[in-house]
Protein backbone atom coordinates (compact mmCIF):
# COMPACT_ATOMS: atom_id res chain seq x y z
CA MET A 1 156.81 17.36 90.89
CA ALA A 2 154.96 17.98 94.13
CA ARG A 3 151.70 19.90 94.49
CA SER A 4 150.05 21.65 97.41
CA VAL A 5 146.44 20.49 97.29
CA ILE A 6 143.39 21.66 99.25
CA LYS A 7 142.43 18.58 101.28
CA SER A 8 139.50 20.11 103.18
CA THR A 9 137.98 23.33 104.47
CA GLY A 10 136.16 24.43 107.60
CA ILE A 11 134.45 27.56 108.92
CA TYR A 12 133.25 28.97 112.20
CA VAL A 13 131.05 31.92 113.19
CA PRO A 14 130.10 32.78 116.78
CA GLY A 15 126.55 32.86 118.10
CA GLU A 16 123.25 33.40 116.36
CA ALA A 17 122.84 35.43 113.16
CA ILE A 18 122.13 39.14 113.70
CA ASP A 19 120.12 40.85 110.97
CA ASN A 20 120.31 44.57 110.23
CA GLY A 21 117.26 45.46 112.30
CA ARG A 22 118.52 43.67 115.38
CA LEU A 23 122.01 45.10 114.88
CA MET A 24 120.64 48.64 115.10
CA LYS A 25 118.78 47.80 118.31
CA LEU A 26 121.83 46.18 119.91
CA THR A 27 124.26 48.98 119.01
CA GLY A 28 122.04 52.07 119.00
CA ILE A 29 123.21 53.05 115.52
CA GLU A 30 121.04 53.85 112.49
CA PHE A 31 121.50 53.24 108.77
CA ASP A 32 119.36 52.58 105.73
CA ALA A 33 119.09 48.78 105.86
CA VAL A 34 117.35 48.52 102.48
CA LYS A 35 120.03 50.56 100.71
CA HIS A 36 122.75 48.74 102.66
CA GLU A 37 121.53 45.33 101.54
CA ALA A 38 120.98 46.45 97.96
CA LYS A 39 124.47 47.92 97.53
CA LEU A 40 126.77 45.98 99.86
CA GLY A 41 124.68 42.83 100.04
CA ILE A 42 125.12 42.62 103.82
CA ALA A 43 121.92 41.41 105.49
CA SER A 44 123.19 39.40 108.44
CA ARG A 45 126.32 38.68 110.45
CA HIS A 46 127.71 36.97 113.56
CA ILE A 47 129.38 39.02 116.30
CA ALA A 48 130.59 37.45 119.52
CA ARG A 49 130.68 40.77 121.35
CA LEU A 50 127.01 41.48 120.68
CA SER A 51 125.96 37.91 121.46
CA GLY A 52 127.46 37.98 124.94
CA LEU A 53 130.07 35.35 124.03
CA LYS A 54 133.54 35.45 125.52
CA GLU A 55 135.12 34.26 122.29
CA SER A 56 137.88 35.91 120.29
CA SER A 57 140.30 35.29 117.42
CA ALA A 58 142.02 32.17 118.76
CA ASP A 59 138.65 30.58 119.53
CA PHE A 60 137.44 31.23 115.98
CA ALA A 61 140.67 29.83 114.51
CA GLU A 62 140.51 26.69 116.64
CA GLN A 63 136.92 25.87 115.71
CA ALA A 64 137.44 26.38 111.97
CA ALA A 65 140.67 24.37 112.02
CA ARG A 66 139.07 21.50 113.93
CA ALA A 67 136.23 21.41 111.40
CA ALA A 68 138.71 21.13 108.51
CA LEU A 69 140.73 18.42 110.26
CA GLU A 70 137.64 16.41 111.16
CA LYS A 71 136.34 16.57 107.60
CA ALA A 72 139.68 15.29 106.27
CA ARG A 73 140.05 12.71 109.06
CA VAL A 74 143.51 14.08 109.79
CA GLN A 75 144.85 14.17 113.35
CA PRO A 76 146.32 17.46 114.68
CA GLY A 77 149.62 15.71 115.34
CA GLU A 78 150.03 15.13 111.59
CA VAL A 79 150.09 18.87 110.83
CA GLY A 80 153.54 20.40 110.49
CA LEU A 81 152.64 24.05 109.92
CA PHE A 82 150.02 26.35 111.44
CA VAL A 83 149.56 29.80 109.89
CA VAL A 84 146.92 32.28 111.02
CA ALA A 85 146.19 34.96 108.44
CA THR A 86 144.73 38.03 110.12
CA ASP A 87 145.04 41.67 111.13
CA THR A 88 142.95 41.06 114.26
CA PRO A 89 145.17 38.69 116.28
CA GLU A 90 144.46 37.37 119.76
CA TYR A 91 147.46 39.29 121.09
CA ILE A 92 150.19 41.49 119.63
CA SER A 93 152.49 38.75 120.91
CA PRO A 94 152.60 35.74 121.00
CA ALA A 95 151.26 34.95 117.53
CA THR A 96 147.77 33.49 117.25
CA GLY A 97 149.23 30.73 115.05
CA ILE A 98 151.33 29.60 118.00
CA LEU A 99 148.25 29.54 120.23
CA LEU A 100 146.42 27.52 117.58
CA GLN A 101 149.22 24.95 117.46
CA GLY A 102 149.12 24.64 121.24
CA ARG A 103 145.35 24.17 121.37
CA LEU A 104 145.32 21.56 118.62
CA GLN A 105 148.48 19.61 119.40
CA GLY A 106 148.45 20.11 123.18
CA GLY A 107 152.16 20.66 123.67
CA GLU A 108 155.58 20.71 122.05
CA TYR A 109 155.73 19.19 118.57
CA GLU A 110 158.04 19.34 115.58
CA SER A 111 155.84 22.05 114.07
CA ARG A 112 156.07 25.58 112.76
CA ALA A 113 153.56 28.24 113.73
CA PHE A 114 153.22 31.95 112.96
CA ASP A 115 150.88 34.73 111.87
CA LEU A 116 150.77 36.59 108.59
CA GLY A 117 149.31 40.08 108.47
CA ALA A 118 148.53 41.80 105.17
CA SER A 119 145.24 43.40 106.20
CA CYS A 120 142.32 41.74 104.42
CA ALA A 121 144.67 40.21 101.84
CA SER A 122 146.23 38.09 104.60
CA PHE A 123 144.65 34.77 103.64
CA VAL A 124 145.53 34.88 99.94
CA THR A 125 149.07 35.99 100.84
CA ALA A 126 149.48 33.24 103.45
CA LEU A 127 148.07 30.58 101.13
CA ASP A 128 150.67 31.47 98.51
CA MET A 129 153.56 31.33 100.99
CA VAL A 130 152.45 28.07 102.61
CA ALA A 131 151.75 26.31 99.30
CA ARG A 132 155.19 27.20 97.95
CA LEU A 133 156.86 26.13 101.19
CA GLN A 134 154.96 22.85 101.19
CA ILE A 135 155.94 22.11 97.59
CA SER A 136 159.61 22.64 98.43
CA ASP A 137 159.61 20.60 101.68
CA PRO A 138 159.05 16.83 101.29
CA GLY A 139 158.56 16.51 105.05
CA LEU A 140 155.61 18.93 105.23
CA ARG A 141 152.65 16.68 104.43
CA TYR A 142 149.90 18.75 106.06
CA ALA A 143 149.63 22.49 106.70
CA LEU A 144 146.78 24.58 108.07
CA VAL A 145 146.05 28.11 106.87
CA VAL A 146 143.32 29.83 108.86
CA GLY A 147 141.91 33.24 107.96
CA ILE A 148 140.26 34.89 110.96
CA TYR A 149 138.51 38.18 111.62
CA ASN A 150 137.44 39.78 114.88
CA MET A 151 137.26 43.45 113.87
CA PRO A 152 134.07 44.03 115.92
CA ALA A 153 136.32 43.78 118.99
CA TYR A 154 137.85 47.10 117.87
CA ILE A 155 134.66 48.96 116.96
CA ARG A 156 133.86 51.95 119.18
CA ASP A 157 130.37 52.65 120.48
CA GLY A 158 128.26 54.64 118.03
CA ASP A 159 130.39 53.80 114.97
CA ALA A 160 127.72 53.20 112.33
CA PHE A 161 130.32 52.53 109.62
CA GLY A 162 132.06 49.83 111.62
CA TRP A 163 129.02 48.09 113.08
CA SER A 164 127.10 47.98 109.79
CA ILE A 165 129.91 46.26 107.86
CA PHE A 166 132.33 44.23 109.97
CA ALA A 167 131.67 40.81 111.46
CA ASP A 168 133.39 37.84 113.11
CA GLY A 169 134.36 34.60 111.47
CA ALA A 170 137.06 32.13 110.49
CA GLY A 171 137.80 29.97 107.47
CA ALA A 172 140.39 27.17 107.47
CA VAL A 173 142.06 25.33 104.63
CA LEU A 174 144.02 22.12 105.16
CA LEU A 175 146.72 21.70 102.53
CA GLU A 176 148.26 18.34 101.65
CA ARG A 177 151.53 17.78 99.83
CA ALA A 178 150.91 15.37 96.97
CA GLU A 179 153.25 14.03 94.34
CA GLU A 180 152.14 14.63 90.79
CA THR A 181 152.37 11.55 88.56
CA GLY A 182 153.41 11.39 84.94
CA GLU A 183 149.87 10.42 83.99
CA THR A 184 148.31 13.51 85.57
CA ARG A 185 150.95 15.78 84.05
CA ARG A 186 150.32 14.33 80.62
CA HIS A 187 146.56 14.96 80.79
CA GLY A 188 146.71 18.24 82.68
CA LEU A 189 144.50 16.93 85.50
CA ALA A 190 146.71 17.61 88.51
CA SER A 191 145.08 19.52 91.33
CA GLY A 192 146.92 22.03 93.46
CA TYR A 193 148.17 25.55 93.89
CA LEU A 194 149.31 26.99 90.57
CA GLU A 195 150.21 30.69 90.56
CA ALA A 196 149.72 34.10 92.16
CA VAL A 197 150.25 37.81 91.59
CA PHE A 198 150.35 40.61 94.13
CA ARG A 199 150.29 44.39 94.37
CA ALA A 200 151.30 46.63 97.28
CA ASP A 201 151.27 50.37 97.95
CA GLY A 202 152.24 51.29 101.48
CA THR A 203 151.73 54.98 100.79
CA GLN A 204 148.01 54.28 101.22
CA TRP A 205 148.34 53.29 104.88
CA ASP A 206 146.25 56.16 106.23
CA TYR A 207 142.73 55.24 105.12
CA VAL A 208 141.30 52.69 107.54
CA GLY A 209 142.87 50.55 110.23
CA VAL A 210 143.55 49.92 113.90
CA TYR A 211 146.29 52.45 114.58
CA ALA A 212 146.47 52.41 118.37
CA GLY A 213 148.14 49.63 120.33
CA GLY A 214 151.40 49.30 118.44
CA THR A 215 154.77 50.95 119.08
CA LYS A 216 153.92 54.14 117.20
CA LYS A 217 150.72 54.83 119.10
CA PRO A 218 150.49 52.94 122.41
CA VAL A 219 147.08 52.99 124.07
CA THR A 220 147.02 55.65 126.79
CA LYS A 221 144.38 57.18 129.03
CA GLU A 222 144.50 60.31 126.86
CA LEU A 223 143.83 58.36 123.65
CA LEU A 224 140.92 56.56 125.26
CA GLU A 225 139.42 59.83 126.44
CA GLN A 226 139.84 61.34 122.94
CA GLY A 227 138.25 58.30 121.31
CA LYS A 228 141.35 57.74 119.14
CA TYR A 229 141.58 53.99 119.48
CA GLY A 230 140.12 50.87 117.89
CA LEU A 231 138.91 50.88 114.30
CA GLU A 232 139.51 54.31 112.75
CA LEU A 233 138.41 55.59 109.34
CA LEU A 234 140.90 58.38 108.57
CA GLN A 235 139.85 58.85 104.93
CA ARG A 236 137.02 57.49 102.83
CA LEU A 237 138.18 54.68 100.59
CA PRO A 238 137.75 55.29 96.84
CA GLY A 239 134.51 53.52 95.90
CA ASP A 240 135.85 52.26 92.56
CA ARG A 241 139.26 51.10 93.75
CA ASN A 242 138.59 47.36 93.54
CA VAL A 243 136.66 47.78 90.30
CA LYS A 244 139.85 49.20 88.79
CA LEU A 245 142.23 46.78 90.55
CA TRP A 246 140.66 43.36 90.22
CA PRO A 247 140.05 42.78 86.48
CA PRO A 248 143.64 43.65 85.45
CA LEU A 249 144.95 41.55 88.33
CA VAL A 250 142.93 38.53 87.19
CA ARG A 251 144.15 38.95 83.61
CA ARG A 252 147.77 39.28 84.77
CA LEU A 253 147.40 36.12 86.90
CA LEU A 254 146.07 34.09 83.97
CA GLU A 255 148.75 35.49 81.67
CA LYS A 256 151.45 34.53 84.17
CA ALA A 257 150.01 31.00 84.45
CA ASP A 258 149.52 30.77 80.67
CA ILE A 259 145.91 29.69 81.13
CA PRO A 260 142.95 31.09 79.14
CA GLN A 261 140.17 32.84 81.05
CA SER A 262 137.68 30.40 79.54
CA ALA A 263 139.27 27.65 81.67
CA VAL A 264 138.33 29.35 84.97
CA ALA A 265 135.29 27.76 86.59
CA HIS A 266 134.78 30.14 89.51
CA TYR A 267 135.94 33.41 91.07
CA PHE A 268 136.12 34.40 94.74
CA PHE A 269 136.48 38.04 95.76
CA THR A 270 136.80 39.98 99.00
CA GLN A 271 133.24 40.03 100.35
CA ILE A 272 132.80 43.69 101.33
CA ASN A 273 130.61 44.99 98.51
CA ARG A 274 128.36 42.88 96.28
CA SER A 275 127.80 45.70 93.78
CA VAL A 276 131.57 45.88 93.19
CA ILE A 277 131.70 42.13 92.52
CA VAL A 278 128.83 42.52 90.02
CA GLN A 279 130.75 45.28 88.20
CA VAL A 280 133.99 43.27 88.18
CA MET A 281 132.27 40.18 86.77
CA GLU A 282 130.73 42.33 84.04
CA LEU A 283 134.15 43.77 83.18
CA LEU A 284 135.56 40.25 83.01
CA GLY A 285 132.67 39.22 80.77
CA GLU A 286 131.63 36.51 83.24
CA PRO A 287 128.15 35.62 84.60
CA MET A 288 127.41 35.97 88.31
CA GLU A 289 126.85 32.20 88.42
CA LYS A 290 130.64 31.87 88.31
CA THR A 291 131.18 33.64 91.63
CA THR A 292 129.98 33.06 95.20
CA THR A 293 128.98 35.73 97.71
CA VAL A 294 128.54 35.14 101.45
CA MET A 295 128.27 38.67 102.83
CA GLU A 296 124.49 38.30 102.86
CA LYS A 297 124.90 35.64 105.58
CA TYR A 298 128.13 36.58 107.30
CA GLY A 299 128.72 40.31 106.76
CA TYR A 300 132.27 41.36 106.01
CA THR A 301 134.76 38.99 107.62
CA GLY A 302 138.02 40.39 106.25
CA SER A 303 140.81 37.82 106.11
CA ALA A 304 138.28 35.04 106.69
CA CYS A 305 135.87 35.86 103.86
CA ILE A 306 137.73 34.14 100.99
CA PRO A 307 138.09 30.74 102.72
CA MET A 308 134.53 31.05 104.05
CA ALA A 309 133.19 31.67 100.53
CA LEU A 310 135.30 28.79 99.21
CA HIS A 311 133.91 26.48 101.90
CA GLU A 312 130.32 27.51 101.07
CA ALA A 313 130.88 26.92 97.36
CA LEU A 314 132.41 23.49 97.95
CA SER A 315 129.69 22.49 100.41
CA SER A 316 126.88 23.54 98.06
CA GLY A 317 128.43 21.95 94.98
CA ARG A 318 128.94 25.26 93.18
CA VAL A 319 132.55 24.19 92.70
CA ARG A 320 133.92 20.65 92.51
CA LYS A 321 137.19 18.77 92.50
CA GLY A 322 139.07 19.53 89.31
CA ASP A 323 137.64 23.06 88.93
CA LEU A 324 140.04 25.90 88.26
CA VAL A 325 139.32 28.78 90.65
CA VAL A 326 140.65 32.30 91.18
CA LEU A 327 140.87 33.96 94.60
CA VAL A 328 141.17 37.77 94.73
CA ALA A 329 141.60 39.77 97.95
CA SER A 330 142.19 43.42 98.81
CA GLY A 331 143.50 44.75 102.09
CA ALA A 332 143.95 48.23 103.52
CA GLY A 333 147.38 49.69 103.36
CA LEU A 334 147.36 48.71 100.35
CA ALA A 335 147.82 44.98 99.75
CA VAL A 336 146.13 43.05 96.94
CA GLY A 337 146.60 39.45 95.80
CA ALA A 338 145.17 36.92 93.38
CA SER A 339 145.75 33.16 93.37
CA LEU A 340 145.00 30.37 90.90
CA ILE A 341 144.15 26.89 92.20
CA ARG A 342 142.86 23.68 90.69
CA LEU A 343 140.68 22.06 93.36
């Protein structure tokens, strides 16, 4: 039986770190930085737009992907699938995944490339799809899944909500198809992608998003004058939504995989609110040492935050090869997913 195994990871953030004080000076907004850091955990971030950098989603994806390839010593020409997981693409069309393939491989190859958009659950959703595809296709040795976020490109001037939370970044995972041997099956040591569960509720589409620019609401002079473009918060999100969603989702995932919770070494959650992660870990009966947060360094990076947190945990030794980890992500709209992987 084949497995889809994480071969390497890579991340990228643009420019110098911007702390809360400097952010307020650069944007002209005001918020309680002490309260913000205490509740959300966000103390710093990287934003190309505020750093004067002409970089955007495809640039982030390329840098993170190159870092993952270099770490694994894999050449771009060996990759057969490029998937960009994001709701902030370079263009509406063509897909950012196609641009990524072109930048890395430099021309026409026998490759597949596309984007997957499920709001901030894009990476976990894409990882599930790519892992299952790789397991079923003997010819797909290497695949890249890159979560990227460039929401600051959509933030309007004076939007304290948007500027205080959202940030730029990218996290890449290189997956390798590996055959599982009888010996590893017998001892339960095989690494790879194991299982996933998902939830969706499209009736919750009208909370937060980028609603202008598609076919329903093309950008017009009138919309620009009315300020109805870019990131829009139509309704306040329920503060306890993820607290209610995540613990049952984790338990359902482990039930589906027939694995006890005691076997899980580490948990990774959407990095938008540290206090929510604290509550969820308490409800799961787990210590905070078994999760990793990166919002204190990188702000909220949407579809990129899970692979960025995974990269940080691997780089610091908080997780190691052979560890069983759970990835949980929530996206507006509503899309939620949880994956189980043995590293």
